N, C-alpha and C. Protein backbone atom coordinates (compact mmCIF):
# COMPACT_ATOMS: atom_id res chain seq x y z
N MET A 1 24.63 7.71 4.00
CA MET A 1 24.86 9.12 3.87
C MET A 1 23.50 9.83 3.91
N ALA A 2 23.37 10.81 4.76
CA ALA A 2 22.13 11.55 4.91
C ALA A 2 22.01 12.61 3.82
N THR A 3 20.79 12.89 3.43
CA THR A 3 20.50 13.89 2.41
C THR A 3 19.36 14.77 2.91
N THR A 4 19.43 16.02 2.60
CA THR A 4 18.35 16.94 2.95
C THR A 4 17.41 17.06 1.76
N ILE A 5 16.11 16.98 2.04
CA ILE A 5 15.11 17.15 0.99
C ILE A 5 14.15 18.26 1.41
N GLN A 6 13.53 18.87 0.43
CA GLN A 6 12.57 19.92 0.73
C GLN A 6 11.16 19.38 0.52
N ILE A 7 10.34 19.51 1.55
CA ILE A 7 8.94 19.11 1.47
C ILE A 7 8.09 20.21 2.10
N SER A 8 6.85 20.26 1.69
CA SER A 8 5.95 21.27 2.26
C SER A 8 5.57 20.90 3.69
N ASP A 9 5.06 21.87 4.41
CA ASP A 9 4.60 21.59 5.78
C ASP A 9 3.48 20.57 5.78
N ALA A 10 2.60 20.65 4.76
CA ALA A 10 1.49 19.70 4.68
C ALA A 10 2.01 18.27 4.48
N THR A 11 3.01 18.11 3.63
CA THR A 11 3.60 16.78 3.40
C THR A 11 4.29 16.29 4.66
N LYS A 12 5.01 17.17 5.33
CA LYS A 12 5.69 16.79 6.57
C LYS A 12 4.68 16.34 7.62
N LYS A 13 3.56 17.04 7.70
CA LYS A 13 2.52 16.68 8.66
C LYS A 13 1.94 15.29 8.34
N LYS A 14 1.71 15.02 7.05
CA LYS A 14 1.19 13.71 6.64
C LYS A 14 2.21 12.60 6.93
N LEU A 15 3.47 12.86 6.64
CA LEU A 15 4.51 11.87 6.93
C LEU A 15 4.59 11.59 8.43
N PHE A 16 4.49 12.65 9.22
CA PHE A 16 4.55 12.50 10.67
C PHE A 16 3.37 11.65 11.15
N GLY A 17 2.18 11.88 10.55
CA GLY A 17 1.02 11.06 10.89
C GLY A 17 1.25 9.60 10.55
N LEU A 18 1.85 9.33 9.39
CA LEU A 18 2.16 7.96 9.00
C LEU A 18 3.16 7.34 9.97
N ILE A 19 4.16 8.13 10.36
CA ILE A 19 5.16 7.63 11.31
C ILE A 19 4.48 7.22 12.61
N ASN A 20 3.56 8.04 13.10
CA ASN A 20 2.84 7.68 14.33
C ASN A 20 2.06 6.39 14.17
N GLN A 21 1.40 6.21 13.03
CA GLN A 21 0.65 4.98 12.78
C GLN A 21 1.58 3.77 12.74
N LEU A 22 2.70 3.91 12.03
CA LEU A 22 3.64 2.78 11.92
C LEU A 22 4.26 2.45 13.26
N GLU A 23 4.57 3.47 14.06
CA GLU A 23 5.12 3.21 15.40
C GLU A 23 4.12 2.45 16.25
N HIS A 24 2.85 2.78 16.12
CA HIS A 24 1.81 2.09 16.88
C HIS A 24 1.70 0.63 16.43
N ILE A 25 1.77 0.41 15.12
CA ILE A 25 1.65 -0.95 14.57
C ILE A 25 2.89 -1.79 14.89
N TRP A 26 4.07 -1.21 14.68
CA TRP A 26 5.31 -1.97 14.81
C TRP A 26 5.90 -1.93 16.22
N ASN A 27 5.35 -1.10 17.08
CA ASN A 27 5.84 -0.97 18.46
C ASN A 27 7.33 -0.67 18.52
N LYS A 28 7.77 0.23 17.66
CA LYS A 28 9.17 0.67 17.69
C LYS A 28 9.27 2.04 17.06
N ARG A 29 10.39 2.69 17.26
CA ARG A 29 10.62 4.02 16.69
C ARG A 29 10.74 3.92 15.18
N VAL A 30 10.12 4.85 14.48
CA VAL A 30 10.13 4.87 13.02
C VAL A 30 10.66 6.22 12.57
N THR A 31 11.59 6.20 11.62
CA THR A 31 12.17 7.44 11.10
C THR A 31 11.42 7.88 9.85
N TYR A 32 11.73 9.10 9.41
CA TYR A 32 11.15 9.57 8.14
C TYR A 32 11.60 8.65 7.01
N ASP A 33 12.83 8.19 7.05
CA ASP A 33 13.33 7.28 6.02
C ASP A 33 12.53 5.99 6.01
N ASP A 34 12.24 5.44 7.20
CA ASP A 34 11.42 4.22 7.28
C ASP A 34 10.05 4.45 6.66
N ALA A 35 9.44 5.60 6.95
CA ALA A 35 8.12 5.91 6.43
C ALA A 35 8.15 6.04 4.91
N ILE A 36 9.16 6.70 4.38
CA ILE A 36 9.27 6.85 2.92
C ILE A 36 9.51 5.50 2.26
N GLN A 37 10.36 4.66 2.87
CA GLN A 37 10.58 3.31 2.32
C GLN A 37 9.28 2.52 2.32
N TYR A 38 8.52 2.62 3.40
CA TYR A 38 7.23 1.94 3.49
C TYR A 38 6.30 2.39 2.36
N LEU A 39 6.22 3.70 2.13
CA LEU A 39 5.37 4.23 1.07
C LEU A 39 5.82 3.73 -0.31
N LEU A 40 7.13 3.70 -0.53
CA LEU A 40 7.63 3.24 -1.83
C LEU A 40 7.34 1.76 -2.06
N LYS A 41 7.47 0.96 -1.02
CA LYS A 41 7.22 -0.47 -1.17
C LYS A 41 5.74 -0.78 -1.29
N ASN A 42 4.89 0.09 -0.78
CA ASN A 42 3.45 -0.16 -0.78
C ASN A 42 2.69 0.75 -1.72
N ARG A 43 3.39 1.41 -2.62
CA ARG A 43 2.70 2.33 -3.52
C ARG A 43 1.75 1.56 -4.43
N LYS A 44 0.69 2.22 -4.77
CA LYS A 44 -0.33 1.63 -5.62
C LYS A 44 -0.38 2.38 -6.93
N LEU A 45 -0.59 1.65 -7.97
CA LEU A 45 -0.74 2.25 -9.29
C LEU A 45 -2.07 2.97 -9.35
N VAL A 46 -2.06 4.20 -9.77
CA VAL A 46 -3.29 4.97 -9.90
C VAL A 46 -3.85 4.77 -11.30
N VAL A 47 -5.07 4.31 -11.36
CA VAL A 47 -5.72 4.05 -12.64
C VAL A 47 -6.96 4.92 -12.72
N GLU A 48 -7.11 5.56 -13.84
CA GLU A 48 -8.31 6.37 -14.06
C GLU A 48 -9.52 5.46 -14.15
N LYS A 49 -10.61 5.87 -13.50
CA LYS A 49 -11.83 5.06 -13.45
C LYS A 49 -12.34 4.73 -14.85
N LYS A 50 -12.38 5.72 -15.74
CA LYS A 50 -12.88 5.49 -17.10
C LYS A 50 -12.02 4.46 -17.83
N ASP A 51 -10.69 4.58 -17.72
CA ASP A 51 -9.80 3.62 -18.36
C ASP A 51 -10.01 2.21 -17.81
N PHE A 52 -10.19 2.13 -16.49
CA PHE A 52 -10.41 0.83 -15.86
C PHE A 52 -11.70 0.18 -16.38
N ILE A 53 -12.77 0.96 -16.41
CA ILE A 53 -14.07 0.43 -16.87
C ILE A 53 -13.98 0.03 -18.34
N ASP A 54 -13.34 0.87 -19.15
CA ASP A 54 -13.17 0.53 -20.57
C ASP A 54 -12.40 -0.78 -20.74
N ASN A 55 -11.39 -0.97 -19.92
CA ASN A 55 -10.56 -2.17 -20.01
C ASN A 55 -11.31 -3.42 -19.59
N ILE A 56 -12.07 -3.34 -18.49
CA ILE A 56 -12.75 -4.55 -18.03
C ILE A 56 -14.05 -4.83 -18.80
N SER A 57 -14.58 -3.82 -19.48
CA SER A 57 -15.83 -4.01 -20.22
C SER A 57 -15.71 -5.11 -21.27
N LYS A 58 -14.53 -5.25 -21.85
CA LYS A 58 -14.38 -6.27 -22.89
C LYS A 58 -14.44 -7.69 -22.33
N TYR A 59 -14.37 -7.84 -21.00
CA TYR A 59 -14.43 -9.16 -20.37
C TYR A 59 -15.80 -9.45 -19.76
N LYS A 60 -16.76 -8.58 -19.99
CA LYS A 60 -18.09 -8.73 -19.42
C LYS A 60 -18.70 -10.07 -19.82
N GLY A 61 -19.21 -10.79 -18.82
CA GLY A 61 -19.88 -12.06 -19.08
C GLY A 61 -18.97 -13.27 -19.09
N ILE A 62 -17.68 -13.07 -18.91
CA ILE A 62 -16.75 -14.20 -18.95
C ILE A 62 -16.80 -15.01 -17.65
N LEU A 63 -16.91 -14.32 -16.51
CA LEU A 63 -16.92 -15.01 -15.22
C LEU A 63 -18.30 -15.57 -14.91
N LYS A 64 -18.30 -16.73 -14.27
CA LYS A 64 -19.56 -17.33 -13.83
C LYS A 64 -20.00 -16.66 -12.54
N LYS A 65 -21.27 -16.84 -12.19
CA LYS A 65 -21.83 -16.24 -10.99
C LYS A 65 -21.02 -16.70 -9.76
N GLY A 66 -20.59 -15.76 -8.95
CA GLY A 66 -19.85 -16.06 -7.74
C GLY A 66 -18.35 -16.18 -7.95
N GLU A 67 -17.92 -16.34 -9.17
CA GLU A 67 -16.50 -16.52 -9.46
C GLU A 67 -15.70 -15.26 -9.16
N ALA A 68 -16.28 -14.11 -9.43
CA ALA A 68 -15.59 -12.85 -9.16
C ALA A 68 -15.32 -12.71 -7.66
N ARG A 69 -16.29 -13.06 -6.84
CA ARG A 69 -16.13 -12.98 -5.38
C ARG A 69 -14.99 -13.90 -4.92
N GLU A 70 -14.95 -15.11 -5.46
CA GLU A 70 -13.89 -16.05 -5.10
C GLU A 70 -12.52 -15.49 -5.49
N LEU A 71 -12.43 -14.94 -6.69
CA LEU A 71 -11.17 -14.36 -7.13
C LEU A 71 -10.76 -13.20 -6.24
N TYR A 72 -11.72 -12.36 -5.89
CA TYR A 72 -11.46 -11.22 -5.01
C TYR A 72 -10.94 -11.69 -3.66
N GLU A 73 -11.61 -12.67 -3.06
CA GLU A 73 -11.20 -13.17 -1.75
C GLU A 73 -9.81 -13.79 -1.81
N ASP A 74 -9.52 -14.49 -2.89
CA ASP A 74 -8.19 -15.08 -3.07
C ASP A 74 -7.12 -13.98 -3.16
N LEU A 75 -7.41 -12.94 -3.92
CA LEU A 75 -6.47 -11.82 -4.02
C LEU A 75 -6.27 -11.12 -2.68
N ARG A 76 -7.33 -10.97 -1.90
CA ARG A 76 -7.23 -10.34 -0.58
C ARG A 76 -6.34 -11.17 0.35
N LYS A 77 -6.49 -12.51 0.30
CA LYS A 77 -5.65 -13.38 1.13
C LYS A 77 -4.18 -13.20 0.76
N LYS A 78 -3.90 -13.17 -0.53
CA LYS A 78 -2.52 -12.99 -0.98
C LYS A 78 -1.99 -11.62 -0.54
N GLU A 79 -2.84 -10.60 -0.61
CA GLU A 79 -2.43 -9.25 -0.21
C GLU A 79 -2.16 -9.19 1.29
N ARG A 80 -2.98 -9.87 2.09
CA ARG A 80 -2.74 -9.90 3.54
C ARG A 80 -1.41 -10.57 3.86
N LYS A 81 -1.10 -11.66 3.16
CA LYS A 81 0.17 -12.35 3.38
C LYS A 81 1.34 -11.44 3.01
N ARG A 82 1.19 -10.69 1.91
CA ARG A 82 2.24 -9.75 1.50
C ARG A 82 2.43 -8.66 2.55
N GLU A 83 1.33 -8.15 3.09
CA GLU A 83 1.41 -7.13 4.12
C GLU A 83 2.09 -7.67 5.37
N GLU A 84 1.78 -8.92 5.75
CA GLU A 84 2.41 -9.53 6.91
C GLU A 84 3.92 -9.68 6.70
N ARG A 85 4.33 -10.07 5.48
CA ARG A 85 5.76 -10.19 5.18
C ARG A 85 6.44 -8.83 5.30
N LEU A 86 5.79 -7.78 4.79
CA LEU A 86 6.35 -6.44 4.88
C LEU A 86 6.49 -5.99 6.33
N GLU A 87 5.46 -6.27 7.14
CA GLU A 87 5.53 -5.89 8.55
C GLU A 87 6.67 -6.61 9.25
N LYS A 88 6.83 -7.91 8.96
CA LYS A 88 7.93 -8.67 9.56
C LYS A 88 9.27 -8.12 9.12
N GLN A 89 9.35 -7.73 7.84
CA GLN A 89 10.60 -7.18 7.31
C GLN A 89 10.95 -5.89 8.04
N PHE A 90 9.97 -5.02 8.24
CA PHE A 90 10.22 -3.76 8.94
C PHE A 90 10.48 -4.01 10.42
N ASP A 91 9.83 -5.00 11.01
CA ASP A 91 10.06 -5.33 12.41
C ASP A 91 11.49 -5.79 12.65
N SER A 92 12.06 -6.47 11.67
CA SER A 92 13.42 -6.99 11.83
C SER A 92 14.48 -5.91 11.67
N ASN A 93 14.10 -4.76 11.09
CA ASN A 93 15.07 -3.66 10.90
C ASN A 93 15.27 -2.96 12.16
């Protein structure tokens, strides 16, 4: 069932830009609904910088030299795999 929503022209322009990007990546037609679903599935939690620094400060000195880089690279690999799964999921729709 279709629903009408109200969005500003600026938001519509941004959504249209995202649709163009997704169409280029997925090589298929993308609807506004597809774009909104993509945004919802890929939303990121917004964390205030001060809160983040306060939270990680208590762990200062726990990691050995180079360990943070290894953890970061491992997380990036997992994130790339998640992104690939999402792209395949949208490609199959």
